[in-house]
Amino acid sequence: MKILSPSAHGVMDYATVAIFALAPTIFGFTGTYATVCYMLAAGYLVITLLTAFPMGAIKMIPFPIHGGFELVSGPIILASPWIFGFADANPVARNFFVAMGIVFLLVWMITDWHAQTRSLMTDHNR
């Protein structure tokens, strides 16, 4: 079921950037945990700003391609505690990244990645 519009997805993207940027402070992450959070926040902010959707600033990346990035990044975020070697060292960090990866995948599943394309085609045919 594709219930999330591009605009609503954009709001969630900026909220995700804030969550990753604030997670080290909220959860007391330091070292690798904090670095991964800050890298994800910065990278996700750049991708969101460059996406061609209502919440994007520069609109270079087509919204469906943004969706492809999320489909790939969700499992990577989910697996990052094992990729970066902190799965056993900090259960709070592990659970945070697993939860965020799952959220990425769920949001990907409910986002209407082609809503703008259909809207543009409808407007063009009027």
C-alpha atoms as a PDB file:
ATOM      1  CA  MET A   1       0.000   0.000   0.000  1.00  0.00           C
ATOM      2  CA  LYS A   2       1.590   3.275  -1.177  1.00  0.00           C
ATOM      3  CA  ILE A   3       0.132   5.807   1.253  1.00  0.00           C
ATOM      4  CA  LEU A   4       3.067   8.183   1.733  1.00  0.00           C
ATOM      5  CA  SER A   5       3.169  11.129  -0.690  1.00  0.00           C
ATOM      6  CA  PRO A   6       6.436  12.728  -1.849  1.00  0.00           C
ATOM      7  CA  SER A   7       5.763  15.731   0.415  1.00  0.00           C
ATOM      8  CA  ALA A   8       5.131  13.567   3.475  1.00  0.00           C
ATOM      9  CA  HIS A   9       8.184  11.498   2.629  1.00  0.00           C
ATOM     10  CA  GLY A  10      10.258  14.685   2.504  1.00  0.00           C
ATOM     11  CA  VAL A  11       9.151  15.659   5.986  1.00  0.00           C
ATOM     12  CA  MET A  12      10.179  12.205   7.187  1.00  0.00           C
ATOM     13  CA  ASP A  13      13.552  12.583   5.436  1.00  0.00           C
ATOM     14  CA  TYR A  14      14.362  15.772   7.335  1.00  0.00           C
ATOM     15  CA  ALA A  15      13.165  14.163  10.569  1.00  0.00           C
ATOM     16  CA  THR A  16      15.503  11.246   9.849  1.00  0.00           C
ATOM     17  CA  VAL A  17      18.422  13.646   9.376  1.00  0.00           C
ATOM     18  CA  ALA A  18      17.601  15.215  12.742  1.00  0.00           C
ATOM     19  CA  ILE A  19      17.294  11.820  14.440  1.00  0.00           C
ATOM     20  CA  PHE A  20      20.707  10.696  13.168  1.00  0.00           C
ATOM     21  CA  ALA A  21      22.299  14.053  14.060  1.00  0.00           C
ATOM     22  CA  LEU A  22      20.830  14.050  17.576  1.00  0.00           C
ATOM     23  CA  ALA A  23      21.216  10.346  18.371  1.00  0.00           C
ATOM     24  CA  PRO A  24      24.762  10.680  19.766  1.00  0.00           C
ATOM     25  CA  THR A  25      23.568  13.296  22.251  1.00  0.00           C
ATOM     26  CA  ILE A  26      20.306  11.543  23.119  1.00  0.00           C
ATOM     27  CA  PHE A  27      21.810   8.074  23.526  1.00  0.00           C
ATOM     28  CA  GLY A  28      25.307   9.064  24.636  1.00  0.00           C
ATOM     29  CA  PHE A  29      26.973   7.592  21.537  1.00  0.00           C
ATOM     30  CA  THR A  30      30.684   8.292  21.152  1.00  0.00           C
ATOM     31  CA  GLY A  31      33.418   7.106  18.824  1.00  0.00           C
ATOM     32  CA  THR A  32      32.282   4.887  15.976  1.00  0.00           C
ATOM     33  CA  TYR A  33      28.616   5.058  16.970  1.00  0.00           C
ATOM     34  CA  ALA A  34      28.596   8.849  16.827  1.00  0.00           C
ATOM     35  CA  THR A  35      30.684   8.997  13.653  1.00  0.00           C
ATOM     36  CA  VAL A  36      28.324   6.658  11.806  1.00  0.00           C
ATOM     37  CA  CYS A  37      25.322   8.718  12.961  1.00  0.00           C
ATOM     38  CA  TYR A  38      26.883  11.988  11.815  1.00  0.00           C
ATOM     39  CA  MET A  39      27.929  10.490   8.475  1.00  0.00           C
ATOM     40  CA  LEU A  40      24.417   9.177   7.890  1.00  0.00           C
ATOM     41  CA  ALA A  41      22.856  12.518   8.865  1.00  0.00           C
ATOM     42  CA  ALA A  42      25.140  14.454   6.511  1.00  0.00           C
ATOM     43  CA  GLY A  43      24.778  12.029   3.618  1.00  0.00           C
ATOM     44  CA  TYR A  44      21.039  11.792   3.988  1.00  0.00           C
ATOM     45  CA  LEU A  45      20.737  15.580   4.156  1.00  0.00           C
ATOM     46  CA  VAL A  46      22.663  15.945   0.896  1.00  0.00           C
ATOM     47  CA  ILE A  47      20.539  13.325  -0.859  1.00  0.00           C
ATOM     48  CA  THR A  48      17.318  14.892   0.425  1.00  0.00           C
ATOM     49  CA  LEU A  49      18.356  18.400  -0.627  1.00  0.00           C
ATOM     50  CA  LEU A  50      19.287  17.117  -4.101  1.00  0.00           C
ATOM     51  CA  THR A  51      16.063  15.145  -4.662  1.00  0.00           C
ATOM     52  CA  ALA A  52      13.478  16.381  -7.166  1.00  0.00           C
ATOM     53  CA  PHE A  53      10.478  16.380  -4.859  1.00  0.00           C
ATOM     54  CA  PRO A  54       8.576  19.085  -2.964  1.00  0.00           C
ATOM     55  CA  MET A  55      11.061  19.116  -0.060  1.00  0.00           C
ATOM     56  CA  GLY A  56      14.208  19.112  -2.221  1.00  0.00           C
ATOM     57  CA  ALA A  57      16.204  22.304  -2.741  1.00  0.00           C
ATOM     58  CA  ILE A  58      18.223  21.604  -5.896  1.00  0.00           C
ATOM     59  CA  LYS A  59      16.104  18.830  -7.487  1.00  0.00           C
ATOM     60  CA  MET A  60      18.786  16.876  -9.319  1.00  0.00           C
ATOM     61  CA  ILE A  61      17.969  13.314  -8.210  1.00  0.00           C
ATOM     62  CA  PRO A  62      14.673  11.878  -9.499  1.00  0.00           C
ATOM     63  CA  PHE A  63      12.406  10.815  -6.653  1.00  0.00           C
ATOM     64  CA  PRO A  64      12.336   7.141  -7.752  1.00  0.00           C
ATOM     65  CA  ILE A  65      16.167   7.106  -7.695  1.00  0.00           C
ATOM     66  CA  HIS A  66      16.014   8.521  -4.156  1.00  0.00           C
ATOM     67  CA  GLY A  67      13.807   5.512  -3.418  1.00  0.00           C
ATOM     68  CA  GLY A  68      16.480   3.219  -4.803  1.00  0.00           C
ATOM     69  CA  PHE A  69      19.015   4.784  -2.449  1.00  0.00           C
ATOM     70  CA  GLU A  70      16.678   4.107   0.468  1.00  0.00           C
ATOM     71  CA  LEU A  71      16.073   0.525  -0.605  1.00  0.00           C
ATOM     72  CA  VAL A  72      19.837  -0.058  -0.568  1.00  0.00           C
ATOM     73  CA  SER A  73      20.614   2.010   2.541  1.00  0.00           C
ATOM     74  CA  GLY A  74      17.926   0.416   4.733  1.00  0.00           C
ATOM     75  CA  PRO A  75      19.624  -2.981   4.897  1.00  0.00           C
ATOM     76  CA  ILE A  76      23.047  -1.324   5.202  1.00  0.00           C
ATOM     77  CA  ILE A  77      21.894   0.755   8.171  1.00  0.00           C
ATOM     78  CA  LEU A  78      20.293  -2.335   9.681  1.00  0.00           C
ATOM     79  CA  ALA A  79      23.575  -4.242   9.282  1.00  0.00           C
ATOM     80  CA  SER A  80      25.882  -1.364  10.269  1.00  0.00           C
ATOM     81  CA  PRO A  81      26.445  -2.600  13.858  1.00  0.00           C
ATOM     82  CA  TRP A  82      28.028  -5.721  12.374  1.00  0.00           C
ATOM     83  CA  ILE A  83      29.679  -3.922   9.428  1.00  0.00           C
ATOM     84  CA  PHE A  84      31.370  -1.426  11.778  1.00  0.00           C
ATOM     85  CA  GLY A  85      31.983  -3.973  14.559  1.00  0.00           C
ATOM     86  CA  PHE A  86      29.909  -2.596  17.402  1.00  0.00           C
ATOM     87  CA  ALA A  87      27.011  -5.060  17.564  1.00  0.00           C
ATOM     88  CA  ASP A  88      28.190  -6.652  20.805  1.00  0.00           C
ATOM     89  CA  ALA A  89      29.869  -3.606  22.323  1.00  0.00           C
ATOM     90  CA  ASN A  90      26.776  -1.404  22.673  1.00  0.00           C
ATOM     91  CA  PRO A  91      23.278  -2.916  22.639  1.00  0.00           C
ATOM     92  CA  VAL A  92      21.647   0.541  22.587  1.00  0.00           C
ATOM     93  CA  ALA A  93      23.578   1.533  19.445  1.00  0.00           C
ATOM     94  CA  ARG A  94      22.907  -1.848  17.858  1.00  0.00           C
ATOM     95  CA  ASN A  95      19.177  -1.587  18.535  1.00  0.00           C
ATOM     96  CA  PHE A  96      19.058   2.027  17.300  1.00  0.00           C
ATOM     97  CA  PHE A  97      20.632   1.135  13.951  1.00  0.00           C
ATOM     98  CA  VAL A  98      18.538  -2.009  13.536  1.00  0.00           C
ATOM     99  CA  ALA A  99      15.368  -0.020  14.259  1.00  0.00           C
ATOM    100  CA  MET A 100      16.368   2.765  11.858  1.00  0.00           C
ATOM    101  CA  GLY A 101      17.118   0.232   9.119  1.00  0.00           C
ATOM    102  CA  ILE A 102      13.706  -1.349   9.605  1.00  0.00           C
ATOM    103  CA  VAL A 103      12.053   2.092   9.532  1.00  0.00           C
ATOM    104  CA  PHE A 104      13.862   2.890   6.264  1.00  0.00           C
ATOM    105  CA  LEU A 105      12.529  -0.298   4.695  1.00  0.00           C
ATOM    106  CA  LEU A 106       8.986   0.251   5.977  1.00  0.00           C
ATOM    107  CA  VAL A 107       8.938   3.844   4.726  1.00  0.00           C
ATOM    108  CA  TRP A 108      10.281   2.658   1.373  1.00  0.00           C
ATOM    109  CA  MET A 109       7.441   0.139   1.162  1.00  0.00           C
ATOM    110  CA  ILE A 110       4.676   2.690   1.828  1.00  0.00           C
ATOM    111  CA  THR A 111       6.026   5.613  -0.240  1.00  0.00           C
ATOM    112  CA  ASP A 112       4.410   6.351  -3.600  1.00  0.00           C
ATOM    113  CA  TRP A 113       7.640   6.730  -5.554  1.00  0.00           C
ATOM    114  CA  HIS A 114       5.848   7.562  -8.812  1.00  0.00           C
ATOM    115  CA  ALA A 115       3.190   9.994  -7.537  1.00  0.00           C
ATOM    116  CA  GLN A 116       4.908  13.006  -9.107  1.00  0.00           C
ATOM    117  CA  THR A 117       5.298  11.239 -12.439  1.00  0.00           C
ATOM    118  CA  ARG A 118       1.588  10.409 -12.524  1.00  0.00           C
ATOM    119  CA  SER A 119       0.733  13.958 -11.436  1.00  0.00           C
ATOM    120  CA  LEU A 120       2.884  15.497 -14.181  1.00  0.00           C
ATOM    121  CA  MET A 121       1.376  13.168 -16.802  1.00  0.00           C
ATOM    122  CA  THR A 122      -2.159  14.054 -15.648  1.00  0.00           C
ATOM    123  CA  ASP A 123      -1.403  17.782 -15.758  1.00  0.00           C
ATOM    124  CA  HIS A 124       0.136  17.430 -19.233  1.00  0.00           C
ATOM    125  CA  ASN A 125      -2.925  15.602 -20.573  1.00  0.00           C
ATOM    126  CA  ARG A 126      -5.361  18.321 -19.457  1.00  0.00           C
END
